[in-house]
Amino acid sequence: MSHNETNGEDIRFNREEEDDDEGDGRGLDAWERVYADERSWESLQEDESGLLRPVDNKTLLHAQYRRRLRTATSIRIQKGLIRYLYIVLDLSRAASEMDYKPSRMIVVARQVEAFIREFFDQNPLSQLGLVTLKDGVAHSLTDLGGSPESHIKVLMGKLECSGDASLQNGLDLVHSLLNQIPSYGHREVLILYSALSTCDPGDVTEAIQKCKSSKIRCSVIGLAAELYVCKCLCQETGGSYNVALDEPHLKELILEHAPPPPAIAEFATPNLIKMGFPQRAAEGVISICSCHKEAKSGGGYICPRCRARICELPSECQICGLILVSSPHLARSYHHLFPITPFDDVSPLVSNDPRKLLKNCFGCQQSLLNPGNYSYHLLATSILFHI
């Protein structure tokens, strides 16, 4: 009887523990407790203007510090304005893991969409393409092009995970696609890798050496853990290798590849490039578009060399091969060639002479004395800005 009573007490005691766990959230999984105990509304506060700002700005300040550290230089670094980048997406079964919510595949697709828009905003003269890895095969999702909407539309319609990832097949495919790029263009590959292994039909080191000999700069962002083969790939080709800790960190790592890297002059040969500045086609005129090989009415641009019609800029004429751009594209690329002088963190309250105290931001004329404003001093002038 005593043994049975003891079992009954143990059972009742365990049930009471389970009830307590369900009440305070301890019965949840680890990832569920993170969101349950997050209390995101407590990390916001309202400023004087009525806007909600985060209480803890460590993440924001760290991202701004990394951004200034990349761009802060007093010397002029030669950078290429024409980049040919292939984004290789790992859509193997490892991309369906749910450590990133709702899954790695959805998070990567969302961040790649933001990166494509930022890439063409920073590099209006460059071109981008998409490659997927699944079922042990590499597929070319989109060819090199300068239209962000076309890449995003195809990407969102092909989100399926299956099989294993083959790094060698992906490198062989991008090597065959980028090997035809002219010498003045910079060849880059950005790999978003989710798997912890690679299923290759041969020796992957041979593919790495081919990319190195063709001056293809390969960078990898891992979503699971560091892999030795990916580290060797980046070291041999001069790229960067990072492993994302969470979704904000993944977004930061991907967006770091939007501006041209400082070492781009080592991979691209300086050369004079012929470019054409096409005029806008007349509205209501029906003509055959050289891009889509079909008749269209209204809009488009006319190539100044062969008079062929194209739909959008920048692009390459399908008839004569002339690079077609507009003057705003060159103007937006100008800041990569001549970067502004770096800023220093200063405090507007530190001043021995009260008459020299600058109380307002030079840009928006708001007060620099408000708490939470971080001021930056332009070395070339005596101008203060705030963020």
Protein backbone atom coordinates (compact mmCIF):
# COMPACT_ATOMS: atom_id res chain seq x y z
CA MET A 1 0.00 0.00 0.00
CA SER A 2 2.77 2.37 0.90
CA HIS A 3 4.46 1.75 -2.44
CA ASN A 4 1.25 2.41 -4.35
CA GLU A 5 0.54 5.50 -2.29
CA THR A 6 4.04 6.75 -3.01
CA ASN A 7 3.51 6.25 -6.72
CA GLY A 8 0.23 8.06 -6.50
CA GLU A 9 1.90 10.96 -4.71
CA ASP A 10 4.67 11.04 -7.31
CA ILE A 11 2.13 11.12 -10.08
CA ARG A 12 0.15 13.89 -8.45
CA PHE A 13 3.38 15.82 -7.78
CA ASN A 14 4.50 15.51 -11.42
CA ARG A 15 1.11 16.68 -12.66
CA GLU A 16 1.31 19.70 -10.38
CA GLU A 17 4.77 20.49 -11.82
CA GLU A 18 3.41 20.22 -15.38
CA ASP A 19 0.56 22.57 -14.50
CA ASP A 20 3.02 25.05 -13.03
CA ASP A 21 5.24 24.80 -16.10
CA GLU A 22 2.32 25.49 -18.41
CA GLY A 23 1.35 28.47 -16.29
CA ASP A 24 4.71 30.27 -16.35
CA GLY A 25 5.76 29.24 -19.87
CA ARG A 26 8.48 26.77 -18.84
CA GLY A 27 6.78 23.96 -20.73
CA LEU A 28 7.39 25.72 -24.01
CA ASP A 29 10.27 25.00 -26.35
CA ALA A 30 13.37 27.16 -26.24
CA TRP A 31 12.48 29.17 -29.33
CA GLU A 32 8.90 29.66 -28.04
CA ARG A 33 10.11 31.01 -24.70
CA VAL A 34 12.26 33.57 -26.52
CA TYR A 35 9.23 35.09 -28.20
CA ALA A 36 6.96 34.62 -25.18
CA ASP A 37 9.36 36.40 -22.81
CA GLU A 38 10.47 38.98 -25.33
CA ARG A 39 7.97 41.72 -24.31
CA SER A 40 8.97 43.83 -27.29
CA TRP A 41 6.60 46.62 -26.26
CA GLU A 42 8.78 47.31 -23.20
CA SER A 43 11.85 48.05 -25.34
CA LEU A 44 10.28 51.16 -26.92
CA GLN A 45 9.87 54.68 -25.61
CA GLU A 46 8.30 57.81 -27.01
CA ASP A 47 10.54 60.81 -27.67
CA GLU A 48 9.65 64.49 -27.67
CA SER A 49 8.34 64.42 -31.24
CA GLY A 50 6.01 61.47 -30.56
CA LEU A 51 8.10 58.85 -32.38
CA LEU A 52 8.80 55.42 -30.91
CA ARG A 53 12.50 54.68 -30.47
CA PRO A 54 14.22 51.61 -28.99
CA VAL A 55 15.54 51.95 -25.48
CA ASP A 56 18.64 49.85 -26.14
CA ASN A 57 20.52 51.19 -29.16
CA LYS A 58 23.49 48.80 -28.94
CA THR A 59 22.50 46.85 -32.06
CA LEU A 60 21.87 50.02 -34.05
CA LEU A 61 25.12 51.63 -32.95
CA HIS A 62 27.08 48.44 -33.70
CA ALA A 63 25.69 48.33 -37.24
CA GLN A 64 26.52 52.00 -37.75
CA TYR A 65 30.02 51.44 -36.42
CA ARG A 66 30.61 48.56 -38.85
CA ARG A 67 29.29 50.70 -41.70
CA ARG A 68 31.57 53.62 -40.85
CA LEU A 69 34.52 51.27 -40.36
CA ARG A 70 34.10 49.95 -43.93
CA THR A 71 33.78 53.39 -45.50
CA ALA A 72 36.08 55.47 -43.29
CA THR A 73 39.20 56.08 -45.32
CA SER A 74 41.15 59.20 -46.12
CA ILE A 75 42.72 57.85 -49.30
CA ARG A 76 41.05 57.21 -52.62
CA ILE A 77 40.56 53.52 -53.35
CA GLN A 78 39.93 52.41 -56.90
CA LYS A 79 36.63 50.59 -57.21
CA GLY A 80 34.91 49.08 -60.18
CA LEU A 81 31.52 50.39 -61.21
CA ILE A 82 30.48 47.42 -63.35
CA ARG A 83 29.94 44.27 -61.31
CA TYR A 84 28.62 40.90 -62.45
CA LEU A 85 27.26 39.11 -59.41
CA TYR A 86 25.63 35.70 -59.11
CA ILE A 87 23.70 34.89 -55.93
CA VAL A 88 23.78 31.14 -55.21
CA LEU A 89 20.89 30.01 -52.99
CA ASP A 90 21.01 26.71 -51.14
CA LEU A 91 17.49 25.26 -51.49
CA SER A 92 18.34 21.78 -50.24
CA ARG A 93 16.38 20.09 -47.48
CA ALA A 94 18.54 21.94 -44.95
CA ALA A 95 16.86 25.19 -46.03
CA SER A 96 13.55 23.93 -44.62
CA GLU A 97 14.89 23.96 -41.05
CA MET A 98 12.88 26.16 -38.69
CA ASP A 99 15.63 27.66 -36.53
CA TYR A 100 14.96 30.85 -38.51
CA LYS A 101 11.25 31.64 -38.33
CA PRO A 102 9.24 30.58 -40.26
CA SER A 103 12.07 28.76 -42.09
CA ARG A 104 15.53 29.39 -43.45
CA MET A 105 14.22 29.45 -47.01
CA ILE A 106 11.63 32.17 -46.32
CA VAL A 107 14.09 34.30 -44.33
CA VAL A 108 16.77 34.02 -47.01
CA ALA A 109 14.31 34.86 -49.78
CA ARG A 110 13.13 37.92 -47.86
CA GLN A 111 16.67 39.17 -47.28
CA VAL A 112 17.73 38.45 -50.88
CA GLU A 113 14.80 40.52 -52.12
CA ALA A 114 15.96 43.48 -50.02
CA PHE A 115 19.55 42.93 -51.16
CA ILE A 116 18.62 42.92 -54.86
CA ARG A 117 16.94 46.31 -54.53
CA GLU A 118 19.85 47.73 -52.54
CA PHE A 119 22.40 46.25 -54.97
CA PHE A 120 20.93 47.99 -58.00
CA ASP A 121 20.53 51.20 -56.02
CA GLN A 122 24.23 51.15 -55.11
CA ASN A 123 25.41 49.70 -58.45
CA PRO A 124 23.12 50.95 -61.24
CA LEU A 125 25.59 49.88 -63.94
CA SER A 126 25.99 46.31 -62.67
CA GLN A 127 24.15 43.10 -63.42
CA LEU A 128 22.94 40.26 -61.22
CA GLY A 129 21.81 36.66 -61.64
CA LEU A 130 20.37 33.87 -59.47
CA VAL A 131 21.46 30.24 -59.13
CA THR A 132 19.86 27.56 -56.92
CA LEU A 133 21.31 24.37 -55.41
CA LYS A 134 19.01 21.41 -54.76
CA ASP A 135 18.79 17.69 -55.56
CA GLY A 136 22.57 17.70 -56.06
CA VAL A 137 22.25 19.91 -59.15
CA ALA A 138 22.79 23.62 -59.80
CA HIS A 139 20.05 25.44 -61.72
CA SER A 140 20.36 28.86 -63.35
CA LEU A 141 17.25 30.65 -62.10
CA THR A 142 17.82 33.97 -63.90
CA ASP A 143 20.47 35.21 -66.30
CA LEU A 144 22.55 38.32 -65.72
CA GLY A 145 20.34 41.38 -65.97
CA GLY A 146 19.74 44.84 -64.58
CA SER A 147 16.05 44.59 -63.68
CA PRO A 148 15.44 43.95 -59.95
CA GLU A 149 11.74 43.25 -60.39
CA SER A 150 12.32 40.43 -62.88
CA HIS A 151 14.77 38.67 -60.52
CA ILE A 152 12.45 39.03 -57.52
CA LYS A 153 9.44 37.75 -59.46
CA VAL A 154 11.24 34.59 -60.58
CA LEU A 155 12.76 34.02 -57.13
CA MET A 156 9.43 34.15 -55.27
CA GLY A 157 7.92 31.65 -57.69
CA LYS A 158 10.64 29.00 -57.29
CA LEU A 159 10.84 28.54 -53.50
CA GLU A 160 11.00 24.75 -53.05
CA CYS A 161 13.42 22.72 -50.92
CA SER A 162 14.55 19.19 -51.77
CA GLY A 163 17.60 16.94 -51.86
CA ASP A 164 21.18 17.84 -51.10
CA ALA A 165 23.36 20.80 -52.07
CA SER A 166 26.37 20.43 -54.37
CA LEU A 167 28.93 23.19 -53.98
CA GLN A 168 31.05 21.89 -56.86
CA ASN A 169 28.17 21.94 -59.34
CA GLY A 170 27.30 25.47 -58.26
CA LEU A 171 30.87 26.68 -58.76
CA ASP A 172 31.15 24.98 -62.13
CA LEU A 173 27.92 26.61 -63.30
CA VAL A 174 28.82 30.15 -62.21
CA HIS A 175 32.33 29.69 -63.64
CA SER A 176 30.89 28.85 -67.07
CA LEU A 177 28.53 31.82 -66.88
CA LEU A 178 31.05 34.39 -65.62
CA ASN A 179 33.95 33.21 -67.78
CA GLN A 180 32.45 35.10 -70.74
CA ILE A 181 32.39 38.44 -68.91
CA PRO A 182 34.74 41.13 -70.33
CA SER A 183 37.93 41.89 -68.45
CA TYR A 184 36.73 45.29 -67.23
CA GLY A 185 33.85 43.71 -65.29
CA HIS A 186 34.29 42.41 -61.77
CA ARG A 187 33.12 38.80 -61.33
CA GLU A 188 31.55 37.97 -57.99
CA VAL A 189 29.64 35.11 -56.39
CA LEU A 190 27.67 35.33 -53.15
CA ILE A 191 26.67 31.94 -51.73
CA LEU A 192 23.97 31.62 -49.05
CA TYR A 193 24.65 28.13 -47.71
CA SER A 194 22.35 26.29 -45.29
CA ALA A 195 23.66 22.71 -45.42
CA LEU A 196 26.39 21.22 -43.27
CA SER A 197 27.86 19.16 -46.12
CA THR A 198 28.23 19.14 -49.88
CA CYS A 199 27.31 16.29 -52.25
CA ASP A 200 29.79 16.60 -55.12
CA PRO A 201 30.36 14.31 -58.12
CA GLY A 202 34.10 15.01 -58.15
CA ASP A 203 36.85 17.03 -56.47
CA VAL A 204 35.51 20.37 -55.24
CA THR A 205 39.02 21.80 -54.93
CA GLU A 206 39.37 21.71 -58.71
CA ALA A 207 36.31 23.93 -59.04
CA ILE A 208 37.79 26.30 -56.45
CA GLN A 209 41.03 26.57 -58.41
CA LYS A 210 39.14 27.28 -61.64
CA CYS A 211 37.31 30.16 -59.96
CA LYS A 212 40.61 31.45 -58.61
CA SER A 213 42.30 31.33 -62.02
CA SER A 214 39.32 33.15 -63.59
CA LYS A 215 39.49 35.88 -60.89
CA ILE A 216 36.02 35.16 -59.57
CA ARG A 217 35.62 36.52 -56.07
CA CYS A 218 33.52 34.07 -54.03
CA SER A 219 31.94 34.97 -50.68
CA VAL A 220 29.87 32.69 -48.45
CA ILE A 221 27.32 33.42 -45.73
CA GLY A 222 26.49 30.33 -43.69
CA LEU A 223 23.22 29.80 -41.87
CA ALA A 224 24.16 26.79 -39.75
CA ALA A 225 27.87 26.46 -38.88
CA GLU A 226 31.31 27.09 -40.31
CA LEU A 227 32.46 24.65 -43.00
CA TYR A 228 36.10 24.10 -43.89
CA VAL A 229 35.43 23.82 -47.63
CA CYS A 230 33.61 27.17 -47.65
CA LYS A 231 36.42 28.77 -45.68
CA CYS A 232 38.99 27.48 -48.18
CA LEU A 233 36.86 28.76 -51.07
CA CYS A 234 36.79 32.30 -49.66
CA GLN A 235 40.47 32.31 -48.78
CA GLU A 236 41.55 31.13 -52.22
CA THR A 237 39.34 33.54 -54.17
CA GLY A 238 39.72 36.60 -51.93
CA GLY A 239 36.15 36.64 -50.66
CA SER A 240 34.69 36.85 -47.17
CA TYR A 241 33.15 34.10 -45.06
CA ASN A 242 30.68 34.70 -42.23
CA VAL A 243 28.10 32.70 -40.30
CA ALA A 244 24.85 34.45 -39.41
CA LEU A 245 23.74 34.33 -35.78
CA ASP A 246 20.14 35.44 -36.32
CA GLU A 247 17.97 37.20 -38.90
CA PRO A 248 19.16 40.79 -38.14
CA HIS A 249 22.77 39.60 -38.36
CA LEU A 250 22.01 37.82 -41.64
CA LYS A 251 20.51 41.01 -43.06
CA GLU A 252 23.59 42.99 -42.02
CA LEU A 253 25.98 40.45 -43.56
CA ILE A 254 24.10 40.36 -46.87
CA LEU A 255 23.84 44.14 -47.21
CA GLU A 256 27.59 44.46 -46.68
CA HIS A 257 28.01 43.05 -50.20
CA ALA A 258 25.89 45.80 -51.81
CA PRO A 259 28.65 48.45 -52.17
CA PRO A 260 31.74 47.55 -54.23
CA PRO A 261 34.48 45.96 -52.09
CA PRO A 262 37.76 47.89 -51.69
CA ALA A 263 39.86 45.15 -53.32
CA ILE A 264 37.85 45.22 -56.52
CA ALA A 265 40.71 46.79 -58.51
CA GLU A 266 42.77 43.62 -58.04
CA PHE A 267 40.22 41.57 -59.99
CA ALA A 268 39.11 43.94 -62.75
CA THR A 269 41.33 45.44 -65.44
CA PRO A 270 40.89 49.21 -65.99
CA ASN A 271 39.79 49.90 -69.52
CA LEU A 272 37.86 52.40 -71.62
CA ILE A 273 34.27 51.29 -72.17
CA LYS A 274 31.96 52.46 -74.93
CA MET A 275 28.54 53.44 -73.63
CA GLY A 276 25.46 54.81 -75.31
CA PHE A 277 22.88 57.21 -73.94
CA PRO A 278 19.60 56.26 -75.65
CA GLN A 279 16.64 58.57 -76.09
CA ARG A 280 13.10 57.85 -75.01
CA ALA A 281 11.00 56.27 -77.77
CA ALA A 282 7.92 58.07 -79.03
CA GLU A 283 4.61 57.13 -77.48
CA GLY A 284 2.10 55.28 -79.62
CA VAL A 285 4.67 53.90 -82.06
CA ILE A 286 4.61 50.11 -82.49
CA SER A 287 8.05 48.52 -82.83
CA ILE A 288 9.73 45.19 -82.12
CA CYS A 289 11.51 45.06 -78.77
CA SER A 290 14.96 43.46 -78.98
CA CYS A 291 14.73 42.32 -75.35
CA HIS A 292 11.55 40.24 -75.56
CA LYS A 293 11.47 39.69 -79.35
CA GLU A 294 7.88 40.92 -79.63
CA ALA A 295 6.01 43.98 -80.88
CA LYS A 296 5.19 46.65 -78.29
CA SER A 297 3.63 50.08 -78.46
CA GLY A 298 4.80 53.16 -76.57
CA GLY A 299 7.68 53.68 -74.20
CA GLY A 300 11.10 52.07 -74.32
CA TYR A 301 14.43 53.45 -75.50
CA ILE A 302 16.21 53.66 -78.87
CA CYS A 303 19.83 52.52 -79.20
CA PRO A 304 21.91 55.39 -80.62
CA ARG A 305 24.07 53.02 -82.72
CA CYS A 306 21.70 50.52 -84.35
CA ARG A 307 18.33 52.16 -83.59
CA ALA A 308 17.03 49.00 -81.91
CA ARG A 309 14.42 49.30 -79.19
CA ILE A 310 14.94 48.17 -75.59
CA CYS A 311 12.57 48.23 -72.63
CA GLU A 312 14.64 49.48 -69.70
CA LEU A 313 17.99 50.90 -68.64
CA PRO A 314 20.73 50.01 -67.90
CA SER A 315 21.11 47.10 -70.28
CA GLU A 316 23.13 45.82 -73.21
CA CYS A 317 21.82 46.16 -76.73
CA GLN A 318 20.93 42.74 -78.06
CA ILE A 319 21.77 43.77 -81.63
CA CYS A 320 25.09 45.67 -81.49
CA GLY A 321 26.25 44.88 -77.93
CA LEU A 322 26.55 48.54 -76.85
CA ILE A 323 26.12 49.22 -73.12
CA LEU A 324 23.14 51.54 -72.72
CA VAL A 325 22.89 53.74 -69.62
CA SER A 326 21.46 57.07 -68.56
CA SER A 327 23.22 60.02 -66.92
CA PRO A 328 21.58 59.45 -63.49
CA HIS A 329 23.13 55.98 -63.39
CA LEU A 330 26.61 57.46 -63.74
CA ALA A 331 25.81 60.14 -61.16
CA ARG A 332 24.70 57.54 -58.59
CA SER A 333 27.93 55.59 -59.13
CA TYR A 334 30.09 58.68 -58.61
CA HIS A 335 30.24 58.41 -54.80
CA HIS A 336 32.03 55.05 -55.01
CA LEU A 337 34.94 56.68 -56.85
CA PHE A 338 35.19 59.76 -54.62
CA PRO A 339 34.00 58.90 -51.11
CA ILE A 340 33.44 61.66 -48.57
CA THR A 341 35.91 62.21 -45.75
CA PRO A 342 35.22 60.20 -42.57
CA PHE A 343 33.28 61.45 -39.55
CA ASP A 344 34.26 61.39 -35.88
CA ASP A 345 31.98 60.84 -32.90
CA VAL A 346 31.85 64.02 -30.83
CA SER A 347 29.74 65.42 -28.02
CA PRO A 348 28.24 68.89 -28.54
CA LEU A 349 28.45 69.51 -24.79
CA VAL A 350 32.24 69.25 -24.68
CA SER A 351 33.49 72.77 -25.24
CA ASN A 352 35.62 75.17 -23.19
CA ASP A 353 34.15 78.24 -24.84
CA PRO A 354 30.32 78.47 -24.60
CA ARG A 355 30.30 80.82 -27.59
CA LYS A 356 31.69 78.02 -29.79
CA LEU A 357 29.02 75.55 -28.70
CA LEU A 358 27.00 74.33 -31.71
CA LYS A 359 23.47 73.57 -30.53
CA ASN A 360 21.74 72.66 -33.79
CA CYS A 361 22.27 70.02 -36.46
CA PHE A 362 23.54 71.47 -39.74
CA GLY A 363 21.17 69.28 -41.77
CA CYS A 364 17.78 69.50 -40.05
CA GLN A 365 18.41 72.30 -37.54
CA GLN A 366 17.20 70.15 -34.64
CA SER A 367 18.79 70.51 -31.23
CA LEU A 368 21.92 68.45 -30.58
CA LEU A 369 21.38 68.62 -26.83
CA ASN A 370 18.52 66.10 -26.79
CA PRO A 371 19.33 62.77 -25.14
CA GLY A 372 19.77 59.98 -27.64
CA ASN A 373 21.27 62.18 -30.38
CA TYR A 374 24.69 60.96 -31.49
CA SER A 375 26.69 63.68 -33.20
CA TYR A 376 29.32 63.26 -35.91
CA HIS A 377 31.94 65.81 -36.90
CA LEU A 378 33.08 66.09 -40.52
CA LEU A 379 36.86 66.39 -40.46
CA ALA A 380 37.10 68.58 -43.54
CA THR A 381 34.74 71.22 -42.11
CA SER A 382 33.32 72.35 -38.79
CA ILE A 383 29.89 70.83 -39.43
CA LEU A 384 27.94 68.70 -36.97
CA PHE A 385 25.28 66.18 -37.90
CA HIS A 386 23.11 63.92 -35.77
CA ILE A 387 21.28 60.63 -36.24
